[in-house]
Amino acid sequence: MLDPRLLTHEALIKTICSETHHVDLCLSTLKSDPLSFTTDCLGLTKITINATTKTSDDITNYVKRLYCDAKAGRTKSAIADCVELYKDVKDQFGNAVKDLNAGDDAGANANVSAALTDGETCKDGFDEAGAGLPGGLQTLGVHFLDLCSVVLSMINHLK
């Protein structure tokens, strides 16, 4: 683990993001939040969780709009499942932050992993229904899953 006291905030962000699979996404997420330049590794992880939570809220709102417009059937059922899954995601991220505050990196990792799985399950529900994933949901979903990956890398970096 690197000693963050030896790095500027800019260098800390670059170092942490360089250890993720989505460097550009990590950098843009952190650089878009001014608090990133005044915090440590744990704070950067929480900032990324907050950004991921916002994306999950965007997905929830998008899916709710889809539900209102959908006709009865397997696709509507898949949409309803997504709404429930993303409600769980919000709780999982809240629990992940609580875990991080308590120093329970493993618990945080488990909660973020569960959130990532729920995002994938939402996508899979459309495949199983024989419906294509709506374009907006595809875009938001990929962004969400990539952010989850960044958060997991950052949590592993805390160890």
N, C-alpha and C. Protein backbone atom coordinates (compact mmCIF):
# COMPACT_ATOMS: atom_id res chain seq x y z
N MET A 1 0.85 -1.18 0.00
CA MET A 1 0.00 0.00 0.00
C MET A 1 0.89 1.23 0.00
N LEU A 2 0.54 2.20 -0.84
CA LEU A 2 1.36 3.39 -0.92
C LEU A 2 1.03 4.34 0.22
N ASP A 3 2.00 5.15 0.58
CA ASP A 3 1.81 6.11 1.66
C ASP A 3 1.28 7.41 1.05
N PRO A 4 -0.03 7.70 1.23
CA PRO A 4 -0.62 8.86 0.59
C PRO A 4 -0.03 10.18 1.09
N ARG A 5 0.62 10.16 2.23
CA ARG A 5 1.22 11.40 2.75
C ARG A 5 2.36 11.86 1.87
N LEU A 6 2.90 10.97 1.07
CA LEU A 6 4.03 11.31 0.22
C LEU A 6 3.61 11.80 -1.17
N LEU A 7 2.32 11.83 -1.42
CA LEU A 7 1.82 12.21 -2.74
C LEU A 7 0.96 13.47 -2.66
N THR A 8 0.99 14.28 -3.70
CA THR A 8 0.01 15.36 -3.81
C THR A 8 -1.34 14.72 -4.09
N HIS A 9 -2.41 15.47 -3.92
CA HIS A 9 -3.74 14.91 -4.20
C HIS A 9 -3.88 14.51 -5.66
N GLU A 10 -3.33 15.33 -6.55
CA GLU A 10 -3.37 15.00 -7.98
C GLU A 10 -2.63 13.69 -8.25
N ALA A 11 -1.46 13.54 -7.65
CA ALA A 11 -0.68 12.32 -7.85
C ALA A 11 -1.38 11.11 -7.21
N LEU A 12 -2.02 11.33 -6.08
CA LEU A 12 -2.74 10.24 -5.42
C LEU A 12 -3.88 9.75 -6.32
N ILE A 13 -4.62 10.68 -6.90
CA ILE A 13 -5.71 10.31 -7.81
C ILE A 13 -5.16 9.52 -9.00
N LYS A 14 -4.11 10.01 -9.60
CA LYS A 14 -3.53 9.32 -10.76
C LYS A 14 -3.02 7.93 -10.37
N THR A 15 -2.40 7.82 -9.22
CA THR A 15 -1.86 6.53 -8.78
C THR A 15 -2.98 5.53 -8.54
N ILE A 16 -4.00 5.95 -7.81
CA ILE A 16 -5.11 5.04 -7.52
C ILE A 16 -5.83 4.64 -8.80
N CYS A 17 -6.10 5.61 -9.66
CA CYS A 17 -6.82 5.31 -10.91
C CYS A 17 -6.00 4.41 -11.84
N SER A 18 -4.69 4.55 -11.79
CA SER A 18 -3.85 3.72 -12.66
C SER A 18 -3.94 2.25 -12.30
N GLU A 19 -4.44 1.95 -11.11
CA GLU A 19 -4.56 0.56 -10.66
C GLU A 19 -5.94 -0.03 -10.91
N THR A 20 -6.78 0.71 -11.65
CA THR A 20 -8.11 0.22 -11.99
C THR A 20 -8.13 -0.23 -13.46
N HIS A 21 -9.20 -0.91 -13.85
CA HIS A 21 -9.36 -1.35 -15.24
C HIS A 21 -9.97 -0.25 -16.11
N HIS A 22 -10.39 0.83 -15.49
CA HIS A 22 -11.06 1.92 -16.21
C HIS A 22 -10.44 3.24 -15.77
N VAL A 23 -9.19 3.43 -16.15
CA VAL A 23 -8.40 4.59 -15.69
C VAL A 23 -9.09 5.90 -16.04
N ASP A 24 -9.51 6.07 -17.29
CA ASP A 24 -10.11 7.34 -17.70
C ASP A 24 -11.41 7.63 -16.94
N LEU A 25 -12.23 6.61 -16.75
CA LEU A 25 -13.47 6.79 -16.00
C LEU A 25 -13.16 7.17 -14.56
N CYS A 26 -12.21 6.51 -13.96
CA CYS A 26 -11.80 6.82 -12.59
C CYS A 26 -11.33 8.26 -12.49
N LEU A 27 -10.44 8.66 -13.39
CA LEU A 27 -9.91 10.02 -13.37
C LEU A 27 -11.01 11.06 -13.55
N SER A 28 -11.88 10.86 -14.52
CA SER A 28 -12.93 11.85 -14.77
C SER A 28 -13.92 11.92 -13.61
N THR A 29 -14.20 10.77 -13.00
CA THR A 29 -15.12 10.75 -11.85
C THR A 29 -14.53 11.53 -10.69
N LEU A 30 -13.29 11.26 -10.37
CA LEU A 30 -12.67 11.93 -9.22
C LEU A 30 -12.37 13.39 -9.49
N LYS A 31 -11.91 13.70 -10.68
CA LYS A 31 -11.56 15.09 -10.99
C LYS A 31 -12.80 15.98 -11.09
N SER A 32 -13.98 15.37 -11.28
CA SER A 32 -15.21 16.17 -11.36
C SER A 32 -15.73 16.56 -9.98
N ASP A 33 -15.16 16.00 -8.93
CA ASP A 33 -15.60 16.32 -7.57
C ASP A 33 -14.48 17.06 -6.85
N PRO A 34 -14.70 18.33 -6.49
CA PRO A 34 -13.66 19.12 -5.85
C PRO A 34 -13.14 18.52 -4.54
N LEU A 35 -13.95 17.73 -3.87
CA LEU A 35 -13.51 17.11 -2.62
C LEU A 35 -12.37 16.11 -2.84
N SER A 36 -12.22 15.65 -4.06
CA SER A 36 -11.15 14.70 -4.38
C SER A 36 -9.77 15.29 -4.13
N PHE A 37 -9.67 16.60 -4.16
CA PHE A 37 -8.37 17.24 -4.03
C PHE A 37 -8.06 17.64 -2.59
N THR A 38 -8.89 17.12 -1.65
CA THR A 38 -8.68 17.44 -0.25
C THR A 38 -8.81 16.21 0.64
N THR A 39 -8.75 15.03 0.05
CA THR A 39 -9.02 13.83 0.84
C THR A 39 -7.97 12.76 0.61
N ASP A 40 -8.15 11.64 1.28
CA ASP A 40 -7.21 10.52 1.21
C ASP A 40 -7.83 9.38 0.38
N CYS A 41 -7.16 8.22 0.40
CA CYS A 41 -7.63 7.07 -0.39
C CYS A 41 -9.04 6.65 -0.01
N LEU A 42 -9.33 6.63 1.27
CA LEU A 42 -10.66 6.24 1.73
C LEU A 42 -11.69 7.24 1.21
N GLY A 43 -11.39 8.52 1.31
CA GLY A 43 -12.30 9.54 0.82
C GLY A 43 -12.53 9.44 -0.67
N LEU A 44 -11.48 9.14 -1.43
CA LEU A 44 -11.63 8.97 -2.88
C LEU A 44 -12.53 7.78 -3.20
N THR A 45 -12.41 6.74 -2.41
CA THR A 45 -13.27 5.56 -2.60
C THR A 45 -14.73 5.93 -2.35
N LYS A 46 -14.98 6.68 -1.28
CA LYS A 46 -16.35 7.09 -0.96
C LYS A 46 -16.90 8.03 -2.04
N ILE A 47 -16.08 8.91 -2.57
CA ILE A 47 -16.52 9.80 -3.65
C ILE A 47 -16.95 8.98 -4.87
N THR A 48 -16.18 7.94 -5.17
CA THR A 48 -16.52 7.09 -6.32
C THR A 48 -17.79 6.29 -6.04
N ILE A 49 -17.96 5.85 -4.80
CA ILE A 49 -19.22 5.17 -4.44
C ILE A 49 -20.39 6.12 -4.61
N ASN A 50 -20.24 7.36 -4.20
CA ASN A 50 -21.33 8.34 -4.37
C ASN A 50 -21.67 8.53 -5.84
N ALA A 51 -20.65 8.61 -6.69
CA ALA A 51 -20.89 8.76 -8.13
C ALA A 51 -21.59 7.52 -8.69
N THR A 52 -21.22 6.36 -8.20
CA THR A 52 -21.84 5.12 -8.66
C THR A 52 -23.29 5.05 -8.19
N THR A 53 -23.53 5.51 -6.97
CA THR A 53 -24.90 5.56 -6.45
C THR A 53 -25.76 6.49 -7.29
N LYS A 54 -25.21 7.63 -7.70
CA LYS A 54 -25.96 8.55 -8.56
C LYS A 54 -26.31 7.88 -9.89
N THR A 55 -25.37 7.14 -10.43
CA THR A 55 -25.65 6.42 -11.68
C THR A 55 -26.76 5.39 -11.46
N SER A 56 -26.73 4.70 -10.33
CA SER A 56 -27.79 3.72 -10.07
C SER A 56 -29.14 4.42 -9.90
N ASP A 57 -29.14 5.63 -9.31
CA ASP A 57 -30.39 6.41 -9.22
C ASP A 57 -30.89 6.79 -10.61
N ASP A 58 -29.96 7.18 -11.49
CA ASP A 58 -30.33 7.52 -12.87
C ASP A 58 -30.95 6.30 -13.57
N ILE A 59 -30.36 5.13 -13.33
CA ILE A 59 -30.89 3.90 -13.92
C ILE A 59 -32.29 3.61 -13.38
N THR A 60 -32.46 3.75 -12.07
CA THR A 60 -33.76 3.50 -11.45
C THR A 60 -34.82 4.40 -12.08
N ASN A 61 -34.51 5.68 -12.22
CA ASN A 61 -35.48 6.61 -12.81
C ASN A 61 -35.77 6.26 -14.27
N TYR A 62 -34.75 5.88 -15.01
CA TYR A 62 -34.92 5.50 -16.41
C TYR A 62 -35.81 4.26 -16.52
N VAL A 63 -35.54 3.27 -15.68
CA VAL A 63 -36.29 2.01 -15.72
C VAL A 63 -37.74 2.23 -15.30
N LYS A 64 -37.96 3.12 -14.35
CA LYS A 64 -39.34 3.42 -13.94
C LYS A 64 -40.12 4.04 -15.10
N ARG A 65 -39.47 4.90 -15.87
CA ARG A 65 -40.13 5.48 -17.05
C ARG A 65 -40.43 4.39 -18.08
N LEU A 66 -39.48 3.47 -18.26
CA LEU A 66 -39.71 2.36 -19.19
C LEU A 66 -40.91 1.53 -18.74
N TYR A 67 -41.01 1.31 -17.44
CA TYR A 67 -42.09 0.48 -16.90
C TYR A 67 -43.45 1.10 -17.23
N CYS A 68 -43.54 2.40 -17.08
CA CYS A 68 -44.82 3.09 -17.35
C CYS A 68 -45.25 2.93 -18.81
N ASP A 69 -44.27 2.87 -19.70
CA ASP A 69 -44.57 2.79 -21.14
C ASP A 69 -44.66 1.35 -21.67
N ALA A 70 -44.25 0.38 -20.86
CA ALA A 70 -44.18 -1.00 -21.33
C ALA A 70 -45.56 -1.67 -21.32
N LYS A 71 -45.72 -2.56 -22.26
CA LYS A 71 -46.93 -3.38 -22.30
C LYS A 71 -46.69 -4.60 -21.40
N ALA A 72 -47.78 -5.21 -20.97
CA ALA A 72 -47.68 -6.39 -20.12
C ALA A 72 -46.88 -7.48 -20.84
N GLY A 73 -46.20 -8.29 -20.08
CA GLY A 73 -45.45 -9.40 -20.67
C GLY A 73 -44.08 -9.54 -20.04
N ARG A 74 -43.27 -10.33 -20.72
CA ARG A 74 -41.96 -10.65 -20.17
C ARG A 74 -41.05 -9.43 -20.06
N THR A 75 -41.15 -8.52 -21.01
CA THR A 75 -40.31 -7.32 -20.96
C THR A 75 -40.69 -6.45 -19.77
N LYS A 76 -41.98 -6.28 -19.55
CA LYS A 76 -42.43 -5.49 -18.40
C LYS A 76 -41.98 -6.14 -17.10
N SER A 77 -42.00 -7.45 -17.06
CA SER A 77 -41.53 -8.18 -15.88
C SER A 77 -40.03 -7.95 -15.66
N ALA A 78 -39.27 -7.96 -16.74
CA ALA A 78 -37.83 -7.70 -16.63
C ALA A 78 -37.56 -6.29 -16.12
N ILE A 79 -38.37 -5.35 -16.59
CA ILE A 79 -38.23 -3.96 -16.15
C ILE A 79 -38.55 -3.86 -14.66
N ALA A 80 -39.63 -4.51 -14.23
CA ALA A 80 -40.00 -4.49 -12.81
C ALA A 80 -38.89 -5.09 -11.95
N ASP A 81 -38.29 -6.17 -12.44
CA ASP A 81 -37.18 -6.78 -11.71
C ASP A 81 -36.01 -5.80 -11.57
N CYS A 82 -35.73 -5.05 -12.64
CA CYS A 82 -34.64 -4.07 -12.59
C CYS A 82 -34.91 -2.99 -11.55
N VAL A 83 -36.14 -2.54 -11.47
CA VAL A 83 -36.48 -1.53 -10.46
C VAL A 83 -36.14 -2.06 -9.08
N GLU A 84 -36.54 -3.28 -8.79
CA GLU A 84 -36.26 -3.87 -7.48
C GLU A 84 -34.76 -4.08 -7.26
N LEU A 85 -34.08 -4.54 -8.28
CA LEU A 85 -32.64 -4.77 -8.15
C LEU A 85 -31.90 -3.48 -7.84
N TYR A 86 -32.27 -2.40 -8.51
CA TYR A 86 -31.57 -1.14 -8.28
C TYR A 86 -31.97 -0.47 -6.97
N LYS A 87 -33.13 -0.83 -6.42
CA LYS A 87 -33.45 -0.40 -5.05
C LYS A 87 -32.47 -1.06 -4.09
N ASP A 88 -32.20 -2.35 -4.33
CA ASP A 88 -31.23 -3.07 -3.50
C ASP A 88 -29.83 -2.46 -3.63
N VAL A 89 -29.48 -2.04 -4.83
CA VAL A 89 -28.16 -1.47 -5.08
C VAL A 89 -27.93 -0.26 -4.18
N LYS A 90 -28.94 0.59 -4.07
CA LYS A 90 -28.80 1.79 -3.23
C LYS A 90 -28.47 1.39 -1.80
N ASP A 91 -29.16 0.38 -1.28
CA ASP A 91 -28.88 -0.11 0.08
C ASP A 91 -27.47 -0.70 0.18
N GLN A 92 -27.08 -1.43 -0.85
CA GLN A 92 -25.76 -2.06 -0.83
C GLN A 92 -24.65 -1.02 -0.80
N PHE A 93 -24.82 0.07 -1.54
CA PHE A 93 -23.80 1.12 -1.50
C PHE A 93 -23.80 1.84 -0.16
N GLY A 94 -24.97 2.05 0.41
CA GLY A 94 -25.04 2.65 1.75
C GLY A 94 -24.33 1.77 2.77
N ASN A 95 -24.54 0.47 2.65
CA ASN A 95 -23.87 -0.48 3.56
C ASN A 95 -22.36 -0.51 3.30
N ALA A 96 -21.97 -0.37 2.05
CA ALA A 96 -20.54 -0.36 1.73
C ALA A 96 -19.85 0.83 2.39
N VAL A 97 -20.48 1.99 2.38
CA VAL A 97 -19.90 3.16 3.03
C VAL A 97 -19.81 2.94 4.54
N LYS A 98 -20.86 2.38 5.12
CA LYS A 98 -20.83 2.06 6.56
C LYS A 98 -19.68 1.10 6.87
N ASP A 99 -19.52 0.10 6.01
CA ASP A 99 -18.43 -0.87 6.20
C ASP A 99 -17.07 -0.17 6.13
N LEU A 100 -16.90 0.70 5.16
CA LEU A 100 -15.62 1.42 5.03
C LEU A 100 -15.36 2.28 6.26
N ASN A 101 -16.40 2.94 6.75
CA ASN A 101 -16.24 3.78 7.94
C ASN A 101 -15.84 2.96 9.16
N ALA A 102 -16.26 1.69 9.17
CA ALA A 102 -15.93 0.80 10.28
C ALA A 102 -14.62 0.05 10.05
N GLY A 103 -13.98 0.31 8.92
CA GLY A 103 -12.72 -0.38 8.61
C GLY A 103 -12.91 -1.79 8.09
N ASP A 104 -14.13 -2.11 7.67
CA ASP A 104 -14.45 -3.45 7.17
C ASP A 104 -14.39 -3.46 5.64
N ASP A 105 -13.17 -3.51 5.11
CA ASP A 105 -12.98 -3.50 3.65
C ASP A 105 -13.64 -4.71 3.00
N ALA A 106 -13.58 -5.86 3.67
CA ALA A 106 -14.18 -7.08 3.11
C ALA A 106 -15.70 -6.93 2.99
N GLY A 107 -16.33 -6.34 3.99
CA GLY A 107 -17.77 -6.11 3.94
C GLY A 107 -18.13 -5.14 2.83
N ALA A 108 -17.33 -4.08 2.68
CA ALA A 108 -17.56 -3.11 1.61
C ALA A 108 -17.42 -3.79 0.26
N ASN A 109 -16.40 -4.60 0.12
CA ASN A 109 -16.17 -5.33 -1.13
C ASN A 109 -17.37 -6.23 -1.44
N ALA A 110 -17.88 -6.92 -0.42
CA ALA A 110 -19.02 -7.82 -0.63
C ALA A 110 -20.26 -7.04 -1.07
N ASN A 111 -20.49 -5.89 -0.46
CA ASN A 111 -21.66 -5.09 -0.84
C ASN A 111 -21.55 -4.53 -2.25
N VAL A 112 -20.38 -4.05 -2.62
CA VAL A 112 -20.21 -3.52 -3.98
C VAL A 112 -20.28 -4.66 -5.00
N SER A 113 -19.73 -5.81 -4.66
CA SER A 113 -19.82 -6.97 -5.55
C SER A 113 -21.28 -7.38 -5.76
N ALA A 114 -22.07 -7.32 -4.69
CA ALA A 114 -23.50 -7.65 -4.80
C ALA A 114 -24.21 -6.64 -5.69
N ALA A 115 -23.85 -5.36 -5.56
CA ALA A 115 -24.44 -4.33 -6.41
C ALA A 115 -24.10 -4.57 -7.87
N LEU A 116 -22.85 -4.92 -8.14
CA LEU A 116 -22.42 -5.22 -9.51
C LEU A 116 -23.22 -6.40 -10.05
N THR A 117 -23.40 -7.43 -9.25
CA THR A 117 -24.17 -8.60 -9.67
C THR A 117 -25.62 -8.22 -9.97
N ASP A 118 -26.20 -7.35 -9.14
CA ASP A 118 -27.57 -6.91 -9.40
C ASP A 118 -27.67 -6.16 -10.73
N GLY A 119 -26.66 -5.34 -11.04
CA GLY A 119 -26.65 -4.65 -12.33
C GLY A 119 -26.59 -5.63 -13.49
N GLU A 120 -25.77 -6.65 -13.34
CA GLU A 120 -25.67 -7.67 -14.39
C GLU A 120 -26.97 -8.47 -14.50
N THR A 121 -27.61 -8.74 -13.36
CA THR A 121 -28.86 -9.49 -13.35
C THR A 121 -29.96 -8.71 -14.06
N CYS A 122 -29.98 -7.41 -13.88
CA CYS A 122 -30.95 -6.57 -14.60
C CYS A 122 -30.78 -6.77 -16.11
N LYS A 123 -29.56 -6.65 -16.56
CA LYS A 123 -29.26 -6.82 -17.99
C LYS A 123 -29.67 -8.22 -18.47
N ASP A 124 -29.33 -9.23 -17.69
CA ASP A 124 -29.65 -10.61 -18.06
C ASP A 124 -31.16 -10.84 -18.16
N GLY A 125 -31.93 -10.12 -17.34
CA GLY A 125 -33.39 -10.28 -17.38
C GLY A 125 -33.96 -9.90 -18.73
N PHE A 126 -33.39 -8.89 -19.36
CA PHE A 126 -33.86 -8.50 -20.70
C PHE A 126 -33.49 -9.58 -21.72
N ASP A 127 -32.29 -10.14 -21.57
CA ASP A 127 -31.87 -11.22 -22.47
C ASP A 127 -32.82 -12.41 -22.35
N GLU A 128 -33.15 -12.77 -21.11
CA GLU A 128 -34.03 -13.92 -20.87
C GLU A 128 -35.45 -13.66 -21.38
N ALA A 129 -35.86 -12.39 -21.38
CA ALA A 129 -37.20 -12.04 -21.87
C ALA A 129 -37.23 -11.99 -23.40
N GLY A 130 -36.07 -12.14 -24.02
CA GLY A 130 -35.99 -12.08 -25.48
C GLY A 130 -36.11 -10.66 -26.00
N ALA A 131 -35.86 -9.71 -25.11
CA ALA A 131 -35.95 -8.30 -25.51
C ALA A 131 -34.54 -7.70 -25.48
N GLY A 132 -34.29 -6.85 -26.41
CA GLY A 132 -33.02 -6.16 -26.38
C GLY A 132 -33.01 -5.13 -25.26
N LEU A 133 -31.86 -4.90 -24.73
CA LEU A 133 -31.70 -3.88 -23.70
C LEU A 133 -31.87 -2.51 -24.34
N PRO A 134 -32.79 -1.69 -23.83
CA PRO A 134 -32.96 -0.36 -24.41
C PRO A 134 -31.64 0.42 -24.41
N GLY A 135 -31.41 1.21 -25.46
CA GLY A 135 -30.14 1.91 -25.62
C GLY A 135 -29.71 2.72 -24.42
N GLY A 136 -30.65 3.49 -23.85
CA GLY A 136 -30.31 4.30 -22.68
C GLY A 136 -29.90 3.46 -21.50
N LEU A 137 -30.57 2.35 -21.32
CA LEU A 137 -30.23 1.45 -20.22
C LEU A 137 -28.89 0.76 -20.49
N GLN A 138 -28.63 0.45 -21.74
CA GLN A 138 -27.34 -0.15 -22.11
C GLN A 138 -26.21 0.80 -21.73
N THR A 139 -26.34 2.06 -22.10
CA THR A 139 -25.30 3.05 -21.83
C THR A 139 -25.11 3.25 -20.33
N LEU A 140 -26.22 3.48 -19.63
CA LEU A 140 -26.13 3.68 -18.18
C LEU A 140 -25.62 2.42 -17.47
N GLY A 141 -26.08 1.26 -17.95
CA GLY A 141 -25.68 0.00 -17.32
C GLY A 141 -24.19 -0.26 -17.45
N VAL A 142 -23.63 -0.02 -18.62
CA VAL A 142 -22.19 -0.21 -18.81
C VAL A 142 -21.42 0.76 -17.91
N HIS A 143 -21.88 2.00 -17.86
CA HIS A 143 -21.24 3.01 -17.00
C HIS A 143 -21.27 2.56 -15.54
N PHE A 144 -22.43 2.07 -15.11
CA PHE A 144 -22.59 1.59 -13.74
C PHE A 144 -21.64 0.43 -13.43
N LEU A 145 -21.63 -0.57 -14.31
CA LEU A 145 -20.77 -1.73 -14.08
C LEU A 145 -19.29 -1.35 -14.07
N ASP A 146 -18.91 -0.44 -14.95
CA ASP A 146 -17.51 0.02 -14.97
C ASP A 146 -17.17 0.77 -13.69
N LEU A 147 -18.09 1.61 -13.21
CA LEU A 147 -17.85 2.31 -11.94
C LEU A 147 -17.73 1.33 -10.78
N CYS A 148 -18.58 0.30 -10.77
CA CYS A 148 -18.47 -0.73 -9.72
C CYS A 148 -17.09 -1.36 -9.75
N SER A 149 -16.59 -1.65 -10.93
CA SER A 149 -15.26 -2.22 -11.07
C SER A 149 -14.20 -1.28 -10.49
N VAL A 150 -14.34 0.02 -10.76
CA VAL A 150 -13.40 1.01 -10.22
C VAL A 150 -13.46 1.00 -8.69
N VAL A 151 -14.67 1.01 -8.15
CA VAL A 151 -14.82 1.01 -6.69
C VAL A 151 -14.17 -0.24 -6.08
N LEU A 152 -14.39 -1.39 -6.69
CA LEU A 152 -13.79 -2.62 -6.16
C LEU A 152 -12.27 -2.54 -6.18
N SER A 153 -11.70 -2.01 -7.24
CA SER A 153 -10.25 -1.84 -7.31
C SER A 153 -9.77 -0.90 -6.22
N MET A 154 -10.52 0.17 -5.99
CA MET A 154 -10.14 1.13 -4.96
C MET A 154 -10.21 0.53 -3.56
N ILE A 155 -11.24 -0.27 -3.31
CA ILE A 155 -11.35 -0.93 -2.00
C ILE A 155 -10.16 -1.87 -1.81
N ASN A 156 -9.81 -2.62 -2.83
CA ASN A 156 -8.67 -3.53 -2.73
C ASN A 156 -7.37 -2.75 -2.50
N HIS A 157 -7.32 -1.53 -3.00
CA HIS A 157 -6.16 -0.65 -2.82
C HIS A 157 -6.02 -0.21 -1.36
N LEU A 158 -7.13 -0.18 -0.63
CA LEU A 158 -7.11 0.26 0.76
C LEU A 158 -6.42 -0.74 1.68
N LYS A 159 -6.35 -1.99 1.25
CA LYS A 159 -5.80 -3.06 2.11
C LYS A 159 -4.31 -2.89 2.34
